[in-house]
Amino acid sequence: MTRTPQHLIRTRMERRLAALEEAEFRVPVTFSIVGVQKGATSTVYRMLSRHRRIASGPEKEMRHFIDEKQDWNAPDLSTYLRPARHPRQRVAGDATPEYVFWPHSLERMAAYDASMPIIASFRDPIERAFSQWSMERSRDADFPDLPITIEEWAEATLPAEIPEGLSPYEYRRRSLFIRGLYGQQLERGYRSFPREQWLSLDFREVTGKPEETLDRLTDHLGLPRFKVYPEALHRNQTPTVNTGASPTVEHIEALVRLFADDLQLFAELSGVDVRPWPTARAAAGELEDRKSTRLNSSH
């Protein structure tokens, strides 16, 4: 039987609920890793989960604040908890990379706990989109070719609501490019959580300097630093070979124009140095060889 993404989501949730039932200690969620998908959020969560003070569990993405079936005037928080192995574990995290772009998710989170530390790991937006496309295509052979997604789904404005006529599932599938509008996401996110509660990471730092990243993470959460650093495991790497038409140079250039202004806004808001990112370099005219605009879709 084919295991669809929705089936996997249900299975992971059932495992977490079963673990909660069996646990002697339960910890409410106290911090959130809000994004971005294909930006090493799994790596961040797995490394942090090795900390002796952090309660984790079998389900990385709790997906609580994107549940459109909840009554958000009186949400059910009875299972928004992590199972703990001992009472010293009083910190717990939710790592759902859709939170940062999903309409109203951060507002809902602030209503739950306005003091919550927020963590986000960002990646070159075109690389990120291509990586998500590769993941979707590997799951569904009928997922549209990359050029079609660029022509039909590349929007320059982050939606304030799920567009009329789209289910949450379809909105999620069409989100390849709006997920890369990081400046607009932070601008909206800072209205729910002030900037000092955010830790914005660069994908390259997470994968290239994991120990330094862990120090920043534990400092941000007010936890003791690791004495022995856990291994940085990159288990969710995306297939790099897929069938279907490749985007043209014109497609890539259209995406560079789409993201150029938003990347400047993101850099100003986050403090992340985006200058080495291929999209920023292309927007600055630094990639003179048009073929060099090809971006990596791994991880």
Protein backbone atom coordinates (compact mmCIF):
# COMPACT_ATOMS: atom_id res chain seq x y z
CA MET A 1 0.00 0.00 0.00
CA THR A 2 1.30 3.46 -0.93
CA ARG A 3 1.95 5.64 2.11
CA THR A 4 0.71 9.11 1.19
CA PRO A 5 1.92 12.25 3.02
CA GLN A 6 -1.46 12.49 4.76
CA HIS A 7 -1.17 8.88 5.88
CA LEU A 8 2.29 9.55 7.27
CA ILE A 9 1.02 12.63 9.11
CA ARG A 10 -1.74 10.60 10.76
CA THR A 11 0.67 7.80 11.67
CA ARG A 12 3.13 10.20 13.32
CA MET A 13 0.35 11.92 15.24
CA GLU A 14 -0.96 8.57 16.48
CA ARG A 15 2.53 7.64 17.67
CA ARG A 16 2.83 10.92 19.60
CA LEU A 17 -0.60 10.51 21.21
CA ALA A 18 0.26 6.94 22.20
CA ALA A 19 3.54 8.14 23.71
CA LEU A 20 1.65 10.82 25.65
CA GLU A 21 -0.72 8.22 27.05
CA GLU A 22 2.19 6.12 28.27
CA ALA A 23 4.38 8.97 29.57
CA GLU A 24 4.69 9.67 33.27
CA PHE A 25 5.58 13.31 32.55
CA ARG A 26 4.16 15.67 29.92
CA VAL A 27 5.54 19.06 28.91
CA PRO A 28 3.59 21.86 27.18
CA VAL A 29 5.28 23.23 24.06
CA THR A 30 7.54 26.15 25.02
CA PHE A 31 9.32 27.02 21.73
CA SER A 32 8.57 26.76 18.04
CA ILE A 33 10.62 26.06 14.91
CA VAL A 34 8.38 27.74 12.36
CA GLY A 35 10.20 27.25 9.04
CA VAL A 36 11.16 26.97 6.37
CA GLN A 37 10.44 23.68 4.64
CA LYS A 38 13.57 22.22 2.98
CA GLY A 39 15.63 24.63 5.10
CA ALA A 40 17.13 22.09 7.57
CA THR A 41 14.34 22.32 10.14
CA SER A 42 14.53 18.55 10.65
CA THR A 43 18.26 18.83 11.35
CA VAL A 44 17.67 21.65 13.86
CA TYR A 45 14.91 19.72 15.63
CA ARG A 46 16.86 16.45 15.81
CA MET A 47 19.96 18.14 17.20
CA LEU A 48 18.00 20.09 19.81
CA SER A 49 16.08 16.95 20.80
CA ARG A 50 19.35 15.48 22.08
CA HIS A 51 19.54 18.15 24.81
CA ARG A 52 18.99 16.71 28.29
CA ARG A 53 16.47 19.41 29.21
CA ILE A 54 14.30 19.09 26.08
CA ALA A 55 11.35 16.71 25.82
CA SER A 56 10.89 15.57 22.25
CA GLY A 57 8.91 12.67 20.86
CA PRO A 58 8.13 10.74 17.69
CA GLU A 59 6.43 13.56 15.80
CA LYS A 60 8.54 16.54 14.72
CA GLU A 61 5.68 18.51 13.10
CA MET A 62 2.77 18.92 15.48
CA ARG A 63 0.90 21.09 12.93
CA HIS A 64 -1.35 22.51 15.64
CA PHE A 65 -1.67 26.10 14.41
CA ILE A 66 -2.46 25.20 10.79
CA ASP A 67 -5.45 23.07 11.76
CA GLU A 68 -8.31 24.82 9.99
CA LYS A 69 -10.86 22.55 11.70
CA GLN A 70 -10.06 23.97 15.15
CA ASP A 71 -12.33 26.49 16.85
CA TRP A 72 -9.68 29.16 17.31
CA ASN A 73 -11.86 31.09 19.74
CA ALA A 74 -11.52 28.13 22.12
CA PRO A 75 -8.80 25.81 20.76
CA ASP A 76 -8.21 22.35 22.16
CA LEU A 77 -4.76 22.29 23.80
CA SER A 78 -5.17 18.96 25.59
CA THR A 79 -2.65 17.16 23.38
CA TYR A 80 -0.32 20.07 22.57
CA LEU A 81 2.27 18.43 24.79
CA ARG A 82 5.44 16.38 24.56
CA PRO A 83 6.12 13.17 26.52
CA ALA A 84 9.07 13.56 28.89
CA ARG A 85 11.43 10.92 30.24
CA HIS A 86 12.08 12.67 33.55
CA PRO A 87 10.92 15.81 35.42
CA ARG A 88 14.07 17.78 34.52
CA GLN A 89 12.79 17.98 30.94
CA ARG A 90 10.69 21.15 31.10
CA VAL A 91 11.32 22.51 27.61
CA ALA A 92 9.56 21.21 24.50
CA GLY A 93 9.38 22.30 20.89
CA ASP A 94 7.10 22.08 17.89
CA ALA A 95 8.88 22.06 14.50
CA THR A 96 6.27 22.73 11.81
CA PRO A 97 7.86 24.56 8.85
CA GLU A 98 4.51 25.68 7.47
CA TYR A 99 3.83 28.02 10.39
CA VAL A 100 5.89 30.90 9.02
CA PHE A 101 3.85 31.28 5.82
CA TRP A 102 0.44 29.89 6.82
CA PRO A 103 -2.26 32.57 7.26
CA HIS A 104 -3.02 33.31 10.94
CA SER A 105 -0.78 30.52 12.32
CA LEU A 106 1.56 32.89 14.19
CA GLU A 107 -1.38 34.93 15.51
CA ARG A 108 -2.83 31.70 16.91
CA MET A 109 0.56 30.80 18.37
CA ALA A 110 0.86 34.20 20.07
CA ALA A 111 -2.57 33.68 21.63
CA TYR A 112 -1.23 30.40 23.04
CA ASP A 113 2.02 31.93 24.37
CA ALA A 114 3.13 35.42 23.39
CA SER A 115 6.53 34.93 25.08
CA MET A 116 7.49 31.86 23.05
CA PRO A 117 10.99 31.85 21.47
CA ILE A 118 10.72 31.49 17.69
CA ILE A 119 13.30 29.78 15.47
CA ALA A 120 13.45 29.83 11.67
CA SER A 121 16.04 28.51 9.25
CA PHE A 122 16.04 30.15 5.80
CA ARG A 123 17.49 29.12 2.47
CA ASP A 124 17.95 30.66 -0.97
CA PRO A 125 14.30 30.90 -2.11
CA ILE A 126 14.77 29.40 -5.58
CA GLU A 127 16.88 26.52 -4.26
CA ARG A 128 14.26 25.95 -1.59
CA ALA A 129 11.40 25.94 -4.11
CA PHE A 130 13.20 23.52 -6.42
CA SER A 131 13.92 21.22 -3.49
CA GLN A 132 10.26 21.23 -2.48
CA TRP A 133 9.26 20.52 -6.08
CA SER A 134 11.63 17.52 -6.17
CA MET A 135 10.10 16.20 -2.97
CA GLU A 136 6.55 16.63 -4.28
CA ARG A 137 7.41 15.02 -7.61
CA SER A 138 9.06 12.06 -5.89
CA ARG A 139 5.81 11.54 -3.95
CA ASP A 140 3.45 12.13 -6.86
CA ALA A 141 4.44 11.41 -10.45
CA ASP A 142 1.54 13.59 -11.62
CA PHE A 143 2.74 16.69 -9.79
CA PRO A 144 3.10 19.43 -12.47
CA ASP A 145 6.41 19.94 -14.24
CA LEU A 146 8.56 22.66 -12.74
CA PRO A 147 8.06 25.16 -15.60
CA ILE A 148 4.28 24.87 -15.21
CA THR A 149 4.49 25.56 -11.48
CA ILE A 150 6.58 28.66 -12.16
CA GLU A 151 4.17 29.97 -14.80
CA GLU A 152 1.00 29.27 -12.77
CA TRP A 153 1.95 29.47 -9.09
CA ALA A 154 4.73 32.06 -8.76
CA GLU A 155 2.96 34.92 -6.96
CA ALA A 156 4.68 38.01 -5.59
CA THR A 157 2.39 38.55 -2.59
CA LEU A 158 2.04 36.43 0.53
CA PRO A 159 -1.69 35.61 0.92
CA ALA A 160 -3.39 36.94 4.03
CA GLU A 161 -5.95 34.13 3.76
CA ILE A 162 -6.10 30.76 2.09
CA PRO A 163 -7.32 31.75 -1.40
CA GLU A 164 -11.00 31.21 -2.01
CA GLY A 165 -11.68 27.95 -3.78
CA LEU A 166 -8.52 26.23 -2.53
CA SER A 167 -8.53 23.59 0.17
CA PRO A 168 -5.70 23.70 2.73
CA TYR A 169 -4.23 20.66 0.97
CA GLU A 170 -4.21 22.34 -2.44
CA TYR A 171 -2.91 25.61 -0.97
CA ARG A 172 -0.02 23.63 0.51
CA ARG A 173 0.77 21.97 -2.81
CA ARG A 174 0.80 25.30 -4.66
CA SER A 175 3.03 27.04 -2.11
CA LEU A 176 6.43 26.43 -3.74
CA PHE A 177 7.15 30.11 -4.34
CA ILE A 178 5.13 32.00 -1.74
CA ARG A 179 7.10 30.07 0.90
CA GLY A 180 10.17 31.93 -0.37
CA LEU A 181 8.74 35.39 0.34
CA TYR A 182 10.71 35.59 3.57
CA GLY A 183 10.63 39.35 3.94
CA GLN A 184 6.84 39.43 3.85
CA GLN A 185 6.70 36.47 6.22
CA LEU A 186 8.92 38.16 8.81
CA GLU A 187 7.11 41.46 8.41
CA ARG A 188 3.89 39.65 9.28
CA GLY A 189 5.55 37.46 11.90
CA TYR A 190 6.98 40.42 13.80
CA ARG A 191 3.45 41.66 14.37
CA SER A 192 2.80 38.53 16.44
CA PHE A 193 6.23 38.09 18.04
CA PRO A 194 8.76 40.92 18.45
CA ARG A 195 12.06 40.61 16.64
CA GLU A 196 14.04 39.84 19.81
CA GLN A 197 12.07 36.59 20.20
CA TRP A 198 13.19 35.37 16.77
CA LEU A 199 16.36 33.50 15.90
CA SER A 200 16.81 33.54 12.12
CA LEU A 201 19.34 31.03 10.81
CA ASP A 202 20.93 30.50 7.42
CA PHE A 203 20.61 26.98 5.98
CA ARG A 204 24.32 27.09 5.12
CA GLU A 205 25.25 27.70 8.77
CA VAL A 206 23.01 24.90 10.03
CA THR A 207 24.54 22.36 7.66
CA GLY A 208 28.06 23.76 7.62
CA LYS A 209 28.59 24.91 11.22
CA PRO A 210 26.29 22.72 13.34
CA GLU A 211 28.13 23.23 16.64
CA GLU A 212 28.10 27.02 16.35
CA THR A 213 24.45 26.82 15.37
CA LEU A 214 23.64 24.70 18.42
CA ASP A 215 25.29 27.27 20.68
CA ARG A 216 23.10 29.98 19.17
CA LEU A 217 20.03 27.79 19.59
CA THR A 218 20.61 26.88 23.21
CA ASP A 219 21.50 30.48 24.06
CA HIS A 220 18.26 31.62 22.43
CA LEU A 221 16.27 29.10 24.48
CA GLY A 222 18.07 29.95 27.72
CA LEU A 223 19.51 26.43 28.03
CA PRO A 224 23.02 25.27 28.97
CA ARG A 225 25.20 24.67 25.93
CA PHE A 226 25.97 21.11 24.89
CA LYS A 227 29.06 19.60 26.48
CA VAL A 228 29.14 16.91 23.81
CA TYR A 229 27.60 17.98 20.54
CA PRO A 230 25.22 15.59 18.78
CA GLU A 231 25.87 14.54 15.23
CA ALA A 232 24.14 16.70 12.61
CA LEU A 233 22.03 14.16 10.73
CA HIS A 234 20.60 15.22 7.37
CA ARG A 235 17.99 12.53 6.79
CA ASN A 236 15.42 14.36 4.70
CA GLN A 237 17.50 14.99 1.63
CA THR A 238 15.47 15.39 -1.52
CA PRO A 239 15.99 13.39 -4.73
CA THR A 240 18.02 15.41 -7.21
CA VAL A 241 16.92 13.53 -10.34
CA ASN A 242 13.30 13.71 -11.48
CA THR A 243 11.47 13.32 -14.75
CA GLY A 244 9.84 16.24 -16.50
CA ALA A 245 10.77 19.41 -18.32
CA SER A 246 13.47 21.66 -16.88
CA PRO A 247 12.92 25.40 -16.42
CA THR A 248 14.43 27.71 -18.99
CA VAL A 249 16.81 30.56 -18.25
CA GLU A 250 13.80 32.86 -18.72
CA HIS A 251 11.92 30.97 -16.00
CA ILE A 252 14.84 31.40 -13.61
CA GLU A 253 15.18 35.08 -14.43
CA ALA A 254 11.47 35.57 -13.74
CA LEU A 255 11.93 34.01 -10.30
CA VAL A 256 14.96 36.18 -9.58
CA ARG A 257 12.85 39.28 -10.34
CA LEU A 258 10.03 37.89 -8.20
CA PHE A 259 12.24 37.50 -5.13
CA ALA A 260 14.70 40.39 -5.54
CA ASP A 261 12.92 43.11 -3.53
CA ASP A 262 11.62 40.67 -0.92
CA LEU A 263 15.14 39.36 -0.31
CA GLN A 264 16.34 42.90 0.44
CA LEU A 265 13.50 43.32 2.92
CA PHE A 266 14.30 39.94 4.48
CA ALA A 267 17.98 40.83 4.92
CA GLU A 268 17.06 44.12 6.62
CA LEU A 269 14.57 42.46 8.98
CA SER A 270 16.49 39.30 9.84
CA GLY A 271 20.15 40.30 9.74
CA VAL A 272 20.87 37.19 7.65
CA ASP A 273 23.56 37.86 5.05
CA VAL A 274 21.87 36.82 1.79
CA ARG A 275 24.63 38.18 -0.47
CA PRO A 276 26.16 34.73 -1.12
CA TRP A 277 22.76 33.25 -2.07
CA PRO A 278 22.53 32.60 -5.83
CA THR A 279 19.22 34.45 -6.13
CA ALA A 280 20.65 37.56 -4.47
CA ARG A 281 23.79 37.36 -6.58
CA ALA A 282 21.74 37.03 -9.76
CA ALA A 283 19.57 39.99 -8.72
CA ALA A 284 22.74 42.04 -8.15
CA GLY A 285 24.01 41.15 -11.64
CA GLU A 286 26.92 39.11 -10.28
CA LEU A 287 26.09 35.93 -12.21
CA GLU A 288 27.07 36.93 -15.70
CA ASP A 289 27.04 33.39 -17.03
CA ARG A 290 23.34 32.73 -17.58
CA LYS A 291 23.90 29.00 -17.09
CA SER A 292 25.22 29.68 -13.60
CA THR A 293 21.71 30.55 -12.47
CA ARG A 294 21.03 26.85 -12.16
CA LEU A 295 20.40 26.15 -8.51
CA ASN A 296 20.89 23.11 -6.36
CA SER A 297 17.73 21.24 -5.31
CA SER A 298 19.30 18.82 -2.83
CA HIS A 299 18.32 18.49 0.87
